[in-house]
C-alpha atoms as a PDB file:
ATOM      1  CA  LEU A   1     -76.247 -97.838-137.941  1.00  0.00           C
ATOM      2  CA  PRO A   2     -73.555 -98.727-135.040  1.00  0.00           C
ATOM      3  CA  THR A   3     -73.633-102.594-133.699  1.00  0.00           C
ATOM      4  CA  VAL A   4     -75.812-103.492-130.931  1.00  0.00           C
ATOM      5  CA  ARG A   5     -76.094-106.172-128.884  1.00  0.00           C
ATOM      6  CA  VAL A   6     -79.087-106.612-127.004  1.00  0.00           C
ATOM      7  CA  GLU A   7     -80.802-108.244-123.267  1.00  0.00           C
ATOM      8  CA  ASP A   8     -84.458-108.827-123.280  1.00  0.00           C
ATOM      9  CA  LEU A   9     -84.564-105.887-125.232  1.00  0.00           C
ATOM     10  CA  ALA A  10     -87.605-103.437-127.014  1.00  0.00           C
ATOM     11  CA  ALA A  11     -86.846-101.009-128.960  1.00  0.00           C
ATOM     12  CA  ARG A  12     -88.007 -98.519-131.905  1.00  0.00           C
ATOM     13  CA  VAL A  13     -85.233 -97.749-134.513  1.00  0.00           C
ATOM     14  CA  ASN A  14     -85.280 -94.676-136.778  1.00  0.00           C
ATOM     15  CA  VAL A  15     -82.525 -95.329-139.356  1.00  0.00           C
ATOM     16  CA  SER A  16     -83.063 -92.786-142.330  1.00  0.00           C
ATOM     17  CA  GLY A  17     -81.261 -89.834-144.532  1.00  0.00           C
ATOM     18  CA  ASN A  18     -78.673 -88.733-142.213  1.00  0.00           C
ATOM     19  CA  VAL A  19     -80.845 -89.350-138.926  1.00  0.00           C
ATOM     20  CA  ARG A  20     -79.997 -92.407-136.472  1.00  0.00           C
ATOM     21  CA  ASP A  21     -82.059 -92.931-133.477  1.00  0.00           C
ATOM     22  CA  ILE A  22     -83.418 -95.163-131.079  1.00  0.00           C
ATOM     23  CA  ALA A  23     -85.381 -95.513-128.499  1.00  0.00           C
ATOM     24  CA  LEU A  24     -84.715 -97.942-125.565  1.00  0.00           C
ATOM     25  CA  LEU A  25     -87.689 -99.225-124.340  1.00  0.00           C
ATOM     26  CA  ARG A  26     -87.229-102.449-122.631  1.00  0.00           C
ATOM     27  CA  GLY A  27     -84.233-104.128-121.255  1.00  0.00           C
ATOM     28  CA  GLU A  28     -80.556-103.412-122.311  1.00  0.00           C
ATOM     29  CA  MET A  29     -77.769-102.775-125.212  1.00  0.00           C
ATOM     30  CA  LEU A  30     -74.317-102.646-125.930  1.00  0.00           C
ATOM     31  CA  VAL A  31     -73.753-100.308-128.858  1.00  0.00           C
ATOM     32  CA  GLN A  32     -70.747 -99.615-130.676  1.00  0.00           C
ATOM     33  CA  ALA A  33     -71.634 -96.052-132.595  1.00  0.00           C
ATOM     34  CA  GLU A  34     -68.652 -95.274-134.813  1.00  0.00           C
ATOM     35  CA  PRO A  35     -69.262 -91.911-136.883  1.00  0.00           C
ATOM     36  CA  HIS A  36     -70.311 -92.372-140.637  1.00  0.00           C
ATOM     37  CA  PRO A  37     -69.809 -89.657-143.622  1.00  0.00           C
ATOM     38  CA  GLY A  38     -73.445 -87.644-143.688  1.00  0.00           C
ATOM     39  CA  ALA A  39     -74.606 -89.207-140.830  1.00  0.00           C
ATOM     40  CA  ARG A  40     -75.601 -87.300-137.784  1.00  0.00           C
ATOM     41  CA  THR A  41     -74.272 -87.850-133.741  1.00  0.00           C
ATOM     42  CA  LEU A  42     -76.235 -91.335-132.723  1.00  0.00           C
ATOM     43  CA  ARG A  43     -79.271 -90.844-130.381  1.00  0.00           C
ATOM     44  CA  VAL A  44     -80.347 -93.138-128.185  1.00  0.00           C
ATOM     45  CA  ASP A  45     -83.464 -92.422-125.964  1.00  0.00           C
ATOM     46  CA  THR A  46     -83.636 -93.594-122.961  1.00  0.00           C
ATOM     47  CA  GLY A  47     -87.343 -92.821-121.678  1.00  0.00           C
ATOM     48  CA  ASP A  48     -85.640 -90.752-118.641  1.00  0.00           C
ATOM     49  CA  GLY A  49     -83.054 -88.875-121.591  1.00  0.00           C
ATOM     50  CA  GLN A  50     -80.665 -89.073-124.397  1.00  0.00           C
ATOM     51  CA  VAL A  51     -77.642 -90.207-125.104  1.00  0.00           C
ATOM     52  CA  GLN A  52     -75.804 -89.041-127.856  1.00  0.00           C
ATOM     53  CA  ALA A  53     -72.550 -90.431-129.546  1.00  0.00           C
ATOM     54  CA  GLU A  54     -70.109 -89.979-132.211  1.00  0.00           C
ATOM     55  CA  ARG A  55     -67.700 -92.504-131.762  1.00  0.00           C
ATOM     56  CA  ALA A  56     -67.917 -94.772-128.032  1.00  0.00           C
ATOM     57  CA  ARG A  57     -68.656 -98.139-126.831  1.00  0.00           C
ATOM     58  CA  PHE A  58     -71.395 -98.125-124.214  1.00  0.00           C
ATOM     59  CA  ASP A  59     -74.125-100.059-122.444  1.00  0.00           C
ATOM     60  CA  LEU A  60     -78.221 -98.683-121.667  1.00  0.00           C
ATOM     61  CA  ARG A  61     -80.271-100.682-119.106  1.00  0.00           C
ATOM     62  CA  ARG A  62     -83.775 -99.196-118.919  1.00  0.00           C
ATOM     63  CA  THR A  63     -85.311 -99.826-115.595  1.00  0.00           C
ATOM     64  CA  ALA A  64     -87.816 -98.850-113.144  1.00  0.00           C
ATOM     65  CA  GLN A  65     -85.954 -96.305-111.639  1.00  0.00           C
ATOM     66  CA  GLY A  66     -84.335 -95.312-114.679  1.00  0.00           C
ATOM     67  CA  ALA A  67     -81.512 -95.403-117.353  1.00  0.00           C
ATOM     68  CA  ARG A  68     -78.425 -96.779-116.410  1.00  0.00           C
ATOM     69  CA  VAL A  69     -75.218 -95.643-118.796  1.00  0.00           C
ATOM     70  CA  GLY A  70     -72.009 -97.249-118.626  1.00  0.00           C
ATOM     71  CA  VAL A  71     -68.971 -96.003-121.037  1.00  0.00           C
ATOM     72  CA  TYR A  72     -66.437 -98.058-122.022  1.00  0.00           C
ATOM     73  CA  GLU A  73     -64.489 -96.731-124.926  1.00  0.00           C
ATOM     74  CA  GLY A  74     -64.825 -92.831-126.183  1.00  0.00           C
ATOM     75  CA  SER A  75     -67.314 -90.233-124.727  1.00  0.00           C
ATOM     76  CA  VAL A  76     -71.298 -89.789-124.155  1.00  0.00           C
ATOM     77  CA  ALA A  77     -73.160 -87.149-123.475  1.00  0.00           C
ATOM     78  CA  LEU A  78     -76.553 -87.623-121.965  1.00  0.00           C
ATOM     79  CA  LEU A  79     -78.628 -85.116-122.143  1.00  0.00           C
ATOM     80  CA  ARG A  80     -81.462 -85.370-119.160  1.00  0.00           C
ATOM     81  CA  HIS A  81     -84.435 -82.289-118.173  1.00  0.00           C
ATOM     82  CA  GLY A  82     -82.138 -79.765-119.508  1.00  0.00           C
ATOM     83  CA  VAL A  83     -78.822 -80.572-118.141  1.00  0.00           C
ATOM     84  CA  LEU A  84     -76.446 -82.015-119.981  1.00  0.00           C
ATOM     85  CA  THR A  85     -73.553 -84.832-118.846  1.00  0.00           C
ATOM     86  CA  GLN A  86     -70.463 -85.827-119.924  1.00  0.00           C
ATOM     87  CA  LEU A  87     -69.688 -89.499-119.826  1.00  0.00           C
ATOM     88  CA  ALA A  88     -65.672 -90.654-120.473  1.00  0.00           C
ATOM     89  CA  ALA A  89     -64.606 -94.138-120.907  1.00  0.00           C
ATOM     90  CA  GLY A  90     -64.537 -96.142-117.533  1.00  0.00           C
ATOM     91  CA  GLU A  91     -67.433 -93.868-116.439  1.00  0.00           C
ATOM     92  CA  ARG A  92     -71.211 -94.638-115.518  1.00  0.00           C
ATOM     93  CA  LEU A  93     -73.795 -93.349-114.196  1.00  0.00           C
ATOM     94  CA  PHE A  94     -76.675 -95.136-112.681  1.00  0.00           C
ATOM     95  CA  PRO A  95     -80.541 -93.665-110.679  1.00  0.00           C
ATOM     96  CA  ALA A  96     -79.931 -93.387-106.770  1.00  0.00           C
ATOM     97  CA  GLU A  97     -82.982 -93.920-104.509  1.00  0.00           C
ATOM     98  CA  ASP A  98     -84.071 -90.447-105.054  1.00  0.00           C
ATOM     99  CA  GLY A  99     -84.017 -90.413-108.646  1.00  0.00           C
ATOM    100  CA  GLU A 100     -80.910 -88.228-108.999  1.00  0.00           C
ATOM    101  CA  LEU A 101     -78.167 -89.819-111.051  1.00  0.00           C
ATOM    102  CA  GLN A 102     -74.982 -90.522-109.281  1.00  0.00           C
ATOM    103  CA  ARG A 103     -71.765 -91.711-111.343  1.00  0.00           C
ATOM    104  CA  GLY A 104     -69.422 -94.567-110.740  1.00  0.00           C
ATOM    105  CA  ALA A 105     -67.185 -96.658-112.538  1.00  0.00           C
ATOM    106  CA  THR A 106     -67.783 -98.971-115.154  1.00  0.00           C
ATOM    107  CA  ASP A 107     -67.669-102.981-114.944  1.00  0.00           C
ATOM    108  CA  PRO A 108     -66.388-104.700-117.926  1.00  0.00           C
ATOM    109  CA  ASP A 109     -67.532-107.625-115.783  1.00  0.00           C
ATOM    110  CA  ARG A 110     -70.842-106.266-116.403  1.00  0.00           C
ATOM    111  CA  LEU A 111     -70.734-106.817-120.278  1.00  0.00           C
ATOM    112  CA  ALA A 112     -70.623-110.447-119.025  1.00  0.00           C
ATOM    113  CA  TRP A 113     -74.057-110.868-120.645  1.00  0.00           C
ATOM    114  CA  VAL A 114     -72.580-110.066-124.347  1.00  0.00           C
ATOM    115  CA  ASP A 115     -71.072-113.436-124.334  1.00  0.00           C
ATOM    116  CA  GLY A 116     -73.798-115.320-122.500  1.00  0.00           C
ATOM    117  CA  MET A 117     -72.690-115.681-118.876  1.00  0.00           C
ATOM    118  CA  VAL A 118     -73.196-113.295-115.970  1.00  0.00           C
ATOM    119  CA  VAL A 119     -69.951-112.719-113.114  1.00  0.00           C
ATOM    120  CA  ALA A 120     -71.745-112.118-109.816  1.00  0.00           C
ATOM    121  CA  LYS A 121     -69.687-110.724-106.896  1.00  0.00           C
ATOM    122  CA  GLU A 122     -71.193-110.809-103.628  1.00  0.00           C
ATOM    123  CA  TRP A 123     -74.748-110.203-105.318  1.00  0.00           C
ATOM    124  CA  ARG A 124     -77.968-110.937-102.853  1.00  0.00           C
ATOM    125  CA  LEU A 125     -79.847-113.738-103.810  1.00  0.00           C
ATOM    126  CA  ASP A 126     -82.810-111.719-105.026  1.00  0.00           C
ATOM    127  CA  ASP A 127     -80.897-109.411-107.269  1.00  0.00           C
ATOM    128  CA  PHE A 128     -79.351-112.589-109.008  1.00  0.00           C
ATOM    129  CA  ALA A 129     -82.821-114.235-108.932  1.00  0.00           C
ATOM    130  CA  GLU A 130     -84.102-111.042-111.010  1.00  0.00           C
ATOM    131  CA  TYR A 131     -81.465-111.159-113.112  1.00  0.00           C
ATOM    132  CA  LEU A 132     -81.879-114.750-113.807  1.00  0.00           C
ATOM    133  CA  ALA A 133     -85.232-114.166-114.552  1.00  0.00           C
ATOM    134  CA  ARG A 134     -85.290-112.087-117.057  1.00  0.00           C
ATOM    135  CA  GLN A 135     -83.473-114.765-119.178  1.00  0.00           C
ATOM    136  CA  ARG A 136     -86.181-117.216-119.340  1.00  0.00           C
ATOM    137  CA  VAL A 137     -89.962-118.329-119.356  1.00  0.00           C
ATOM    138  CA  GLY A 138     -91.758-118.712-115.457  1.00  0.00           C
ATOM    139  CA  VAL A 139     -91.255-116.560-112.384  1.00  0.00           C
ATOM    140  CA  ILE A 140     -88.274-117.052-110.060  1.00  0.00           C
ATOM    141  CA  ARG A 141     -89.593-116.296-106.372  1.00  0.00           C
ATOM    142  CA  VAL A 142     -87.124-115.661-103.344  1.00  0.00           C
ATOM    143  CA  ASP A 143     -88.455-115.689 -99.822  1.00  0.00           C
ATOM    144  CA  PRO A 144     -87.981-112.051 -98.406  1.00  0.00           C
ATOM    145  CA  ALA A 145     -85.609-114.465 -95.269  1.00  0.00           C
ATOM    146  CA  VAL A 146     -83.238-116.016 -97.651  1.00  0.00           C
ATOM    147  CA  GLY A 147     -83.140-112.664-100.491  1.00  0.00           C
ATOM    148  CA  ALA A 148     -80.310-110.970 -98.690  1.00  0.00           C
ATOM    149  CA  LEU A 149     -77.998-114.086 -99.116  1.00  0.00           C
ATOM    150  CA  ARG A 150     -74.800-113.283-100.705  1.00  0.00           C
ATOM    151  CA  LEU A 151     -73.353-115.277-103.997  1.00  0.00           C
ATOM    152  CA  SER A 152     -70.277-114.882-105.961  1.00  0.00           C
ATOM    153  CA  GLY A 153     -69.088-116.622-109.260  1.00  0.00           C
ATOM    154  CA  VAL A 154     -69.496-117.143-113.032  1.00  0.00           C
ATOM    155  CA  PHE A 155     -72.768-118.673-114.295  1.00  0.00           C
ATOM    156  CA  PRO A 156     -73.760-119.171-118.037  1.00  0.00           C
ATOM    157  CA  LEU A 157     -77.110-117.574-118.614  1.00  0.00           C
ATOM    158  CA  ASP A 158     -78.394-120.511-121.084  1.00  0.00           C
ATOM    159  CA  ASP A 159     -79.821-122.913-118.232  1.00  0.00           C
ATOM    160  CA  ALA A 160     -81.134-121.071-115.501  1.00  0.00           C
ATOM    161  CA  GLU A 161     -82.560-124.486-114.640  1.00  0.00           C
ATOM    162  CA  ARG A 162     -79.147-125.591-113.576  1.00  0.00           C
ATOM    163  CA  GLU A 163     -78.648-121.928-112.160  1.00  0.00           C
ATOM    164  CA  LEU A 164     -80.611-122.569-109.560  1.00  0.00           C
ATOM    165  CA  THR A 165     -79.640-126.170-109.036  1.00  0.00           C
ATOM    166  CA  ALA A 166     -76.247-124.896-108.358  1.00  0.00           C
ATOM    167  CA  LEU A 167     -77.190-122.621-105.937  1.00  0.00           C
ATOM    168  CA  GLU A 168     -79.561-124.951-104.228  1.00  0.00           C
ATOM    169  CA  HIS A 169     -76.595-126.536-103.318  1.00  0.00           C
ATOM    170  CA  SER A 170     -74.169-123.650-102.617  1.00  0.00           C
ATOM    171  CA  LEU A 171     -76.490-121.461-100.262  1.00  0.00           C
ATOM    172  CA  PRO A 172     -78.936-122.977 -97.647  1.00  0.00           C
ATOM    173  CA  ILE A 173     -82.170-122.726 -99.850  1.00  0.00           C
ATOM    174  CA  THR A 174     -84.523-125.173-101.506  1.00  0.00           C
ATOM    175  CA  VAL A 175     -85.742-124.217-104.826  1.00  0.00           C
ATOM    176  CA  THR A 176     -89.241-125.414-105.503  1.00  0.00           C
ATOM    177  CA  ARG A 177     -90.778-126.331-109.208  1.00  0.00           C
ATOM    178  CA  HIS A 178     -93.841-125.984-109.523  1.00  0.00           C
ATOM    179  CA  THR A 179     -93.999-126.535-113.285  1.00  0.00           C
ATOM    180  CA  HIS A 180     -92.501-124.937-116.928  1.00  0.00           C
ATOM    181  CA  TYR A 181     -95.440-122.936-117.424  1.00  0.00           C
ATOM    182  CA  TRP A 182     -96.162-121.477-113.833  1.00  0.00           C
END
């Protein structure tokens, strides 16, 4: 089985004989795929297509809009709606508003979550709050009046409450807490 690091993950894994299949049901994972004698190519079903890799380091994130794939080493192939798309190291695919895939460059800072960090570069406050909400139990809501505020920084993911307090001191916002259970 390849080396896999996960964030907010739900997956189904099938490793038997020469089969190496993963179905990504929710969340994000970083995969280090290496060829093994007698084993087939690693296949990951994203719900929006199937990623195939023999030797590669890549991340996958399943979202409501579709799957995002970034390749950091090697190459992968994405089979989606009968179309095979090749991705090399340094490339990523992500769904556009119309559902079509767009190609872009990978950002190594996106992998900071593997080390328990997040690197925000001019992120919208509502996007940052959504990211933080995946790291903790409870609800984080952002008033639309301040959702477009921008922030940058490197934040540890192990203490969302500390991050919310830091945001309160650096942005013109007030954080209202109800209880840990709501």
